[in-house]
Amino acid sequence: MKIVLEHLTKRFPNRNKKIKTEVIAANDLTFEIPDGALIGLLGPSGCGKSTTLNLISGLEVPTEGRVYFGEDDVTDLPPEKRGVGLVFQNYALYPHMTVLENIMFPLGNFKGDERLPKEEMKRRAYEAAKLVQIEELMERRPSELSGGQQQRVAIARALVKRPGVLLLDEPLSNLDARLRLATREEIRRIQRETGITTIFVTHDQEEAMSISDLIVVMKDGVIHQISKPQAVYDDPVNLFVATFLGTPKINVFSGSVKDGRLFLGSDAVLGVPGVPDGEVTVGIRPEGFLPSPDGPMVCGLSRVEVMGRDTSIVFTHPAFDGEAGRAIVDAEDAAGLEPGEVRFALRPSKTHLFDPVTGDRIRPRDASEA
């Protein structure tokens, strides 16, 4: 099912009664989620991700704007009429019920013509359990399950209603690292098998990038960028997006452009034709550094960290915004490096320029614009 948000805004009263201005949790959100896609809502804590999810589900009423499921305006429909499945960070399983009873519970709320016989409810519950691979756990209670198993029960309970939309609000936050990896892969598998339009809220950029068809990057209730995960990483629209995505994070420098050359301190490190002269903020991805004996960027080499296939070079530079930067290179390229001095050439595709005041991306002007 396609989901369309049109100028969706949610304002809350300020908790500090001395401050009369309202808190804007979602600010004029307009975007479309394609039918059958898995979308990652990504951003730091407090950016408006969960509020946006709650507006889509009907748990929150928008101050302004509309929500459409397909061609239907569902803005004024209560959550139970929207055909959504919800999975929260806390699994909210009933401790006195078995897994089977927990999964069947939403079906017991069907009324009128939608009401199902007990055997049909049980059949659907086992169908949902098989999808998340917990059919052998149906007689256990939540206290007898691991965190990952409890999460699968919560997902099965959301799926048993056969929703048109599946909404996941930080569903992996309570799991350890190994379980998070396994469970996110399961979520992607389930979504592909069912074809349900799914929205996955997370502050973990690795989670969002690994399983999403599209990611929506948010900050302070505002959407900064919507695109495929790799496109957002390779082509960030501003410094916030560039610094939020990537592990290790992008290296940020203060630089300047003069006569089509990028300077970091006194080093002319890269040709940037079409970029106007002036001060710039420079972001260089860790994989954007190439160790080279005659490289134009001269850095202090603090240490070399071997990580198997790759090697991390921790370096210093007078123009670096922080104590030390980090370059990721092939292990063979770092062979023989010792603390002292290291020189780099830069990959142009991994080097991004930003306005030092607004943080917006600076792109080269076409020759026709000159």
Protein backbone atom coordinates (compact mmCIF):
# COMPACT_ATOMS: atom_id res chain seq x y z
CA MET A 1 0.00 0.00 0.00
CA LYS A 2 1.33 3.42 -0.96
CA ILE A 3 1.51 5.99 1.85
CA VAL A 4 1.47 9.73 1.15
CA LEU A 5 2.13 12.46 3.72
CA GLU A 6 1.05 15.97 2.74
CA HIS A 7 2.37 18.92 4.77
CA LEU A 8 2.14 16.87 7.96
CA THR A 9 2.87 18.92 11.08
CA LYS A 10 2.60 18.07 14.77
CA ARG A 11 3.02 20.67 17.51
CA PHE A 12 3.06 19.93 21.23
CA PRO A 13 2.75 22.40 24.14
CA ASN A 14 6.11 23.18 25.71
CA ARG A 15 6.62 21.27 28.96
CA ASN A 16 8.24 24.37 30.38
CA LYS A 17 5.13 26.44 31.10
CA LYS A 18 7.22 29.60 31.22
CA ILE A 19 8.00 29.14 27.52
CA LYS A 20 4.92 29.83 25.41
CA THR A 21 6.34 28.64 22.10
CA GLU A 22 5.22 25.18 21.00
CA VAL A 23 7.51 22.24 20.27
CA ILE A 24 7.33 21.23 16.60
CA ALA A 25 7.97 17.47 16.50
CA ALA A 26 7.11 17.07 12.81
CA ASN A 27 7.48 20.09 10.56
CA ASP A 28 5.64 20.19 7.22
CA LEU A 29 6.52 16.63 6.17
CA THR A 30 5.67 15.83 2.56
CA PHE A 31 6.81 12.59 0.95
CA GLU A 32 5.55 9.37 -0.61
CA ILE A 33 6.33 5.81 0.46
CA PRO A 34 6.00 3.42 -2.50
CA ASP A 35 3.78 0.36 -2.27
CA GLY A 36 5.69 -2.65 -0.92
CA ALA A 37 8.81 -0.71 0.07
CA LEU A 38 10.77 -0.85 3.33
CA ILE A 39 11.55 2.68 4.46
CA GLY A 40 14.02 3.59 7.20
CA LEU A 41 13.18 6.70 9.24
CA LEU A 42 16.61 7.72 10.50
CA GLY A 43 17.83 10.46 12.76
CA PRO A 44 19.12 11.30 16.24
CA SER A 45 16.97 11.00 19.35
CA GLY A 46 14.29 13.67 19.45
CA CYS A 47 14.30 14.30 15.69
CA GLY A 48 10.61 13.40 15.23
CA LYS A 49 10.88 9.83 13.93
CA SER A 50 8.51 8.21 16.41
CA THR A 51 6.07 11.13 16.18
CA THR A 52 5.96 10.67 12.41
CA LEU A 53 5.29 6.95 12.89
CA ASN A 54 2.53 7.72 15.39
CA LEU A 55 0.93 10.16 12.96
CA ILE A 56 0.91 7.48 10.27
CA SER A 57 -0.56 4.89 12.66
CA GLY A 58 -3.20 7.24 14.07
CA LEU A 59 -1.82 7.23 17.62
CA GLU A 60 -1.22 10.99 17.20
CA VAL A 61 -3.51 13.49 15.50
CA PRO A 62 -1.72 15.95 13.21
CA THR A 63 -1.92 19.66 13.91
CA GLU A 64 -1.91 20.21 10.15
CA GLY A 65 -1.66 18.10 7.02
CA ARG A 66 -3.10 14.83 5.72
CA VAL A 67 -2.20 11.13 5.63
CA TYR A 68 -3.23 8.93 2.69
CA PHE A 69 -3.14 5.14 2.40
CA GLY A 70 -3.36 4.52 -1.31
CA GLU A 71 -6.06 6.92 -2.50
CA ASP A 72 -7.87 6.96 0.86
CA ASP A 73 -7.55 9.87 3.29
CA VAL A 74 -7.06 8.17 6.68
CA THR A 75 -6.17 11.30 8.66
CA ASP A 76 -9.34 11.17 10.75
CA LEU A 77 -9.51 7.38 11.12
CA PRO A 78 -8.64 5.80 14.50
CA PRO A 79 -5.68 3.38 14.56
CA GLU A 80 -7.85 0.24 14.58
CA LYS A 81 -9.49 1.31 11.31
CA ARG A 82 -6.25 1.96 9.41
CA GLY A 83 -5.13 -1.62 8.91
CA VAL A 84 -1.68 -1.14 10.42
CA GLY A 85 0.52 -3.51 12.40
CA LEU A 86 2.64 -1.95 15.15
CA VAL A 87 5.81 -3.27 16.79
CA PHE A 88 7.37 -1.21 19.56
CA GLN A 89 10.74 -1.08 21.29
CA ASN A 90 9.25 -2.80 24.35
CA TYR A 91 7.54 -5.91 23.09
CA ALA A 92 4.42 -5.41 25.25
CA LEU A 93 3.64 -9.12 25.41
CA TYR A 94 1.10 -10.37 27.93
CA PRO A 95 3.15 -12.37 30.48
CA HIS A 96 0.25 -14.62 31.57
CA MET A 97 -0.51 -15.70 27.98
CA THR A 98 1.25 -18.28 25.85
CA VAL A 99 2.94 -17.30 22.59
CA LEU A 100 -0.10 -18.62 20.71
CA GLU A 101 -2.49 -16.56 22.83
CA ASN A 102 -0.34 -13.44 22.42
CA ILE A 103 -0.31 -13.78 18.64
CA MET A 104 -4.05 -14.51 18.48
CA PHE A 105 -4.98 -11.61 20.78
CA PRO A 106 -5.51 -8.91 18.07
CA LEU A 107 -7.87 -11.24 16.17
CA GLY A 108 -10.13 -11.43 19.22
CA ASN A 109 -10.85 -7.72 18.81
CA PHE A 110 -12.44 -8.15 15.38
CA LYS A 111 -16.15 -7.24 15.46
CA GLY A 112 -19.22 -7.94 13.37
CA ASP A 113 -18.59 -9.47 9.95
CA GLU A 114 -14.83 -9.44 10.59
CA ARG A 115 -15.13 -11.74 13.61
CA LEU A 116 -13.26 -15.04 13.08
CA PRO A 117 -13.94 -18.56 14.38
CA LYS A 118 -11.47 -19.84 16.97
CA GLU A 119 -9.97 -22.38 14.57
CA GLU A 120 -9.37 -19.72 11.89
CA MET A 121 -7.71 -17.47 14.48
CA LYS A 122 -5.45 -20.35 15.49
CA ARG A 123 -4.63 -21.14 11.86
CA ARG A 124 -3.65 -17.53 11.18
CA ALA A 125 -1.55 -17.42 14.35
CA TYR A 126 0.43 -20.49 13.26
CA GLU A 127 0.79 -18.99 9.78
CA ALA A 128 2.29 -15.81 11.27
CA ALA A 129 4.49 -17.82 13.64
CA LYS A 130 5.85 -19.89 10.77
CA LEU A 131 6.73 -16.71 8.91
CA VAL A 132 8.92 -15.54 11.81
CA GLN A 133 10.12 -19.10 12.53
CA ILE A 134 8.77 -19.56 16.08
CA GLU A 135 6.07 -22.20 15.47
CA GLU A 136 7.78 -24.59 17.92
CA LEU A 137 7.44 -22.03 20.77
CA MET A 138 3.66 -21.61 20.73
CA GLU A 139 3.00 -23.11 24.16
CA ARG A 140 5.69 -21.14 25.99
CA ARG A 141 5.17 -17.93 27.91
CA PRO A 142 7.19 -14.74 27.30
CA SER A 143 9.36 -15.29 30.39
CA GLU A 144 10.63 -18.52 28.82
CA LEU A 145 11.82 -16.77 25.66
CA SER A 146 15.00 -14.92 24.73
CA GLY A 147 14.84 -11.25 23.71
CA GLY A 148 15.08 -12.15 20.05
CA GLN A 149 12.27 -14.70 20.36
CA GLN A 150 10.06 -12.18 22.15
CA GLN A 151 10.65 -9.71 19.35
CA ARG A 152 9.57 -12.32 16.80
CA VAL A 153 6.38 -12.91 18.78
CA ALA A 154 5.69 -9.17 18.67
CA ILE A 155 6.23 -9.13 14.89
CA ALA A 156 3.98 -12.18 14.43
CA ARG A 157 1.27 -10.50 16.50
CA ALA A 158 1.47 -7.44 14.22
CA LEU A 159 1.36 -9.59 11.07
CA VAL A 160 -1.53 -11.84 12.12
CA LYS A 161 -4.04 -9.09 11.28
CA ARG A 162 -2.68 -9.10 7.72
CA PRO A 163 -2.09 -5.35 7.80
CA GLY A 164 -1.55 -3.20 4.75
CA VAL A 165 1.20 -1.30 6.59
CA LEU A 166 3.77 -2.53 9.14
CA LEU A 167 5.25 0.06 11.50
CA LEU A 168 8.37 -0.78 13.55
CA ASP A 169 9.48 1.70 16.23
CA GLU A 170 13.12 0.97 17.16
CA PRO A 171 12.33 -2.76 17.42
CA LEU A 172 15.94 -3.87 17.90
CA SER A 173 17.05 -1.49 20.66
CA ASN A 174 16.74 -4.06 23.46
CA LEU A 175 18.76 -6.76 21.70
CA ASP A 176 22.50 -7.43 21.91
CA ALA A 177 24.70 -6.81 18.89
CA ARG A 178 24.55 -10.33 17.43
CA LEU A 179 20.78 -10.61 17.87
CA ARG A 180 20.28 -7.16 16.33
CA LEU A 181 22.10 -8.27 13.20
CA ALA A 182 20.16 -11.53 12.93
CA THR A 183 16.79 -9.93 13.67
CA ARG A 184 17.17 -7.10 11.18
CA GLU A 185 17.95 -9.67 8.49
CA GLU A 186 14.80 -11.53 9.53
CA ILE A 187 12.75 -8.33 9.29
CA ARG A 188 14.01 -7.80 5.76
CA ARG A 189 13.24 -11.41 4.82
CA ILE A 190 9.73 -11.20 6.25
CA GLN A 191 9.07 -7.90 4.49
CA ARG A 192 10.16 -9.31 1.15
CA GLU A 193 8.05 -12.44 1.58
CA THR A 194 4.91 -10.54 2.57
CA GLY A 195 5.35 -7.46 0.37
CA ILE A 196 3.91 -5.29 3.16
CA THR A 197 4.79 -1.60 3.03
CA THR A 198 7.03 -1.23 6.09
CA ILE A 199 8.38 1.77 7.99
CA PHE A 200 11.33 1.09 10.28
CA VAL A 201 12.28 3.76 12.83
CA THR A 202 15.86 3.75 14.11
CA HIS A 203 18.67 6.03 15.20
CA ASP A 204 21.20 3.41 14.08
CA GLN A 205 22.39 4.33 10.58
CA GLU A 206 23.88 0.87 9.98
CA GLU A 207 20.48 -0.74 10.60
CA ALA A 208 18.71 1.68 8.29
CA MET A 209 21.25 1.41 5.48
CA SER A 210 21.47 -2.37 5.57
CA ILE A 211 17.80 -3.25 5.05
CA SER A 212 15.98 -0.18 3.68
CA ASP A 213 14.90 0.47 0.10
CA LEU A 214 14.87 4.19 0.92
CA ILE A 215 15.97 6.14 3.97
CA VAL A 216 14.47 9.36 5.26
CA VAL A 217 17.03 11.36 7.26
CA MET A 218 15.44 13.67 9.84
CA LYS A 219 16.59 16.31 12.30
CA ASP A 220 14.49 18.61 14.51
CA GLY A 221 11.28 17.46 12.86
CA VAL A 222 12.52 18.30 9.36
CA ILE A 223 13.36 15.93 6.52
CA HIS A 224 16.87 16.61 5.23
CA GLN A 225 17.20 13.93 2.57
CA ILE A 226 15.27 11.02 1.06
CA SER A 227 17.03 8.56 -1.23
CA LYS A 228 18.47 5.08 -1.53
CA PRO A 229 20.90 4.33 1.32
CA GLN A 230 24.06 4.29 -0.81
CA ALA A 231 23.01 7.49 -2.60
CA VAL A 232 22.57 9.30 0.72
CA TYR A 233 26.00 8.11 1.85
CA ASP A 234 27.75 8.99 -1.42
CA ASP A 235 25.90 12.23 -2.14
CA PRO A 236 24.81 13.94 1.12
CA VAL A 237 22.89 17.20 0.71
CA ASN A 238 24.43 18.85 3.77
CA LEU A 239 26.98 18.46 6.55
CA PHE A 240 24.45 17.00 9.01
CA VAL A 241 23.59 14.11 6.69
CA ALA A 242 27.27 13.55 5.86
CA THR A 243 28.29 13.36 9.53
CA PHE A 244 25.30 11.29 10.63
CA LEU A 245 25.91 8.49 8.14
CA GLY A 246 29.09 6.46 8.12
CA THR A 247 31.18 4.34 10.49
CA PRO A 248 33.83 5.56 11.16
CA LYS A 249 32.26 8.98 10.68
CA ILE A 250 33.36 11.39 7.98
CA ASN A 251 36.48 13.47 8.69
CA VAL A 252 35.71 17.20 8.83
CA PHE A 253 38.25 19.93 8.07
CA SER A 254 38.29 23.71 7.70
CA GLY A 255 39.50 24.56 4.22
CA SER A 256 39.45 27.10 1.43
CA VAL A 257 39.17 27.15 -2.33
CA LYS A 258 41.37 29.34 -4.49
CA ASP A 259 41.69 29.26 -8.28
CA GLY A 260 40.02 25.86 -8.54
CA ARG A 261 42.18 24.20 -5.89
CA LEU A 262 41.18 22.98 -2.45
CA PHE A 263 43.51 23.96 0.38
CA LEU A 264 43.71 22.36 3.80
CA GLY A 265 46.03 24.65 5.68
CA SER A 266 48.92 25.33 3.29
CA ASP A 267 48.41 22.05 1.38
CA ALA A 268 46.73 22.25 -2.03
CA VAL A 269 45.18 18.78 -1.75
CA LEU A 270 42.73 18.51 -4.66
CA GLY A 271 41.57 20.20 -7.83
CA VAL A 272 37.97 21.42 -7.54
CA PRO A 273 37.16 23.09 -10.88
CA GLY A 274 33.93 25.05 -10.90
CA VAL A 275 33.91 25.74 -7.15
CA PRO A 276 33.98 29.46 -6.31
CA ASP A 277 36.80 30.85 -4.16
CA GLY A 278 36.16 31.12 -0.44
CA GLU A 279 36.16 29.35 2.90
CA VAL A 280 34.65 25.85 2.96
CA THR A 281 34.01 22.99 5.33
CA VAL A 282 35.48 19.80 3.93
CA GLY A 283 34.21 16.30 4.62
CA ILE A 284 36.39 13.33 3.59
CA ARG A 285 35.12 9.79 4.06
CA PRO A 286 37.62 7.45 5.79
CA GLU A 287 37.95 5.43 2.58
CA GLY A 288 38.74 8.62 0.64
CA PHE A 289 42.43 8.66 1.65
CA LEU A 290 45.12 7.01 -0.48
CA PRO A 291 48.57 6.67 1.18
CA SER A 292 51.15 7.97 -1.29
CA PRO A 293 54.82 8.93 -0.79
CA ASP A 294 54.27 12.13 -2.79
CA GLY A 295 50.64 12.75 -1.80
CA PRO A 296 49.71 16.44 -1.47
CA MET A 297 48.10 16.12 1.99
CA VAL A 298 50.69 15.91 4.76
CA CYS A 299 49.48 14.55 8.11
CA GLY A 300 50.93 13.39 11.38
CA LEU A 301 50.63 9.63 11.81
CA SER A 302 49.51 8.80 15.36
CA ARG A 303 49.03 5.05 15.04
CA VAL A 304 48.05 2.23 12.73
CA GLU A 305 45.24 -0.15 13.75
CA VAL A 306 45.11 -3.47 11.91
CA MET A 307 41.54 -4.74 11.40
CA GLY A 308 42.19 -7.78 9.19
CA ARG A 309 41.44 -6.97 5.57
CA ASP A 310 41.54 -3.22 6.21
CA THR A 311 43.76 -0.97 8.26
CA SER A 312 42.80 2.17 10.12
CA ILE A 313 45.30 5.06 10.09
CA VAL A 314 44.78 7.55 12.89
CA PHE A 315 46.22 10.92 11.87
CA THR A 316 46.40 14.58 12.86
CA HIS A 317 46.21 17.69 10.70
CA PRO A 318 46.12 21.39 11.66
CA ALA A 319 42.86 21.91 9.71
CA PHE A 320 41.07 18.90 11.22
CA ASP A 321 37.94 19.65 13.25
CA GLY A 322 38.81 17.57 16.33
CA GLU A 323 41.73 15.76 17.86
CA ALA A 324 42.43 13.05 15.26
CA GLY A 325 41.07 11.82 11.97
CA ARG A 326 40.75 8.29 10.68
CA ALA A 327 41.53 6.82 7.27
CA ILE A 328 40.54 3.29 6.22
CA VAL A 329 42.92 1.73 3.68
CA ASP A 330 43.83 -1.71 2.38
CA ALA A 331 46.21 -3.50 4.70
CA GLU A 332 48.87 -3.73 1.98
CA ASP A 333 48.76 0.06 1.44
CA ALA A 334 49.57 0.62 5.11
CA ALA A 335 52.48 -1.83 5.21
CA GLY A 336 55.63 -0.24 6.60
CA LEU A 337 53.94 2.91 7.96
CA GLU A 338 55.40 4.11 11.24
CA PRO A 339 54.33 6.92 13.59
CA GLY A 340 55.60 10.22 12.29
CA GLU A 341 54.45 11.59 8.96
CA VAL A 342 52.05 10.15 6.38
CA ARG A 343 51.03 11.64 3.03
CA PHE A 344 47.71 11.10 1.29
CA ALA A 345 46.17 11.65 -2.08
CA LEU A 346 42.37 12.10 -1.97
CA ARG A 347 39.56 10.41 -3.86
CA PRO A 348 37.43 13.22 -5.36
CA SER A 349 34.23 11.15 -5.07
CA LYS A 350 34.76 10.79 -1.31
CA THR A 351 35.58 14.46 -0.71
CA HIS A 352 32.61 16.79 -0.15
CA LEU A 353 32.53 20.56 0.29
CA PHE A 354 29.99 22.39 2.45
CA ASP A 355 29.09 26.00 3.20
CA PRO A 356 30.74 26.79 6.57
CA VAL A 357 27.71 28.85 7.69
CA THR A 358 24.65 26.92 6.44
CA GLY A 359 26.20 23.46 6.14
CA ASP A 360 24.68 23.06 2.66
CA ARG A 361 26.60 21.11 0.05
CA ILE A 362 28.71 23.16 -2.38
CA ARG A 363 28.67 21.72 -5.86
CA PRO A 364 30.83 22.74 -8.85
CA ARG A 365 29.25 25.18 -11.25
CA ASP A 366 28.85 24.08 -14.85
CA ALA A 367 31.00 25.89 -17.36
CA SER A 368 27.77 27.31 -18.84
CA GLU A 369 27.03 29.02 -15.50
CA ALA A 370 30.39 30.78 -15.33
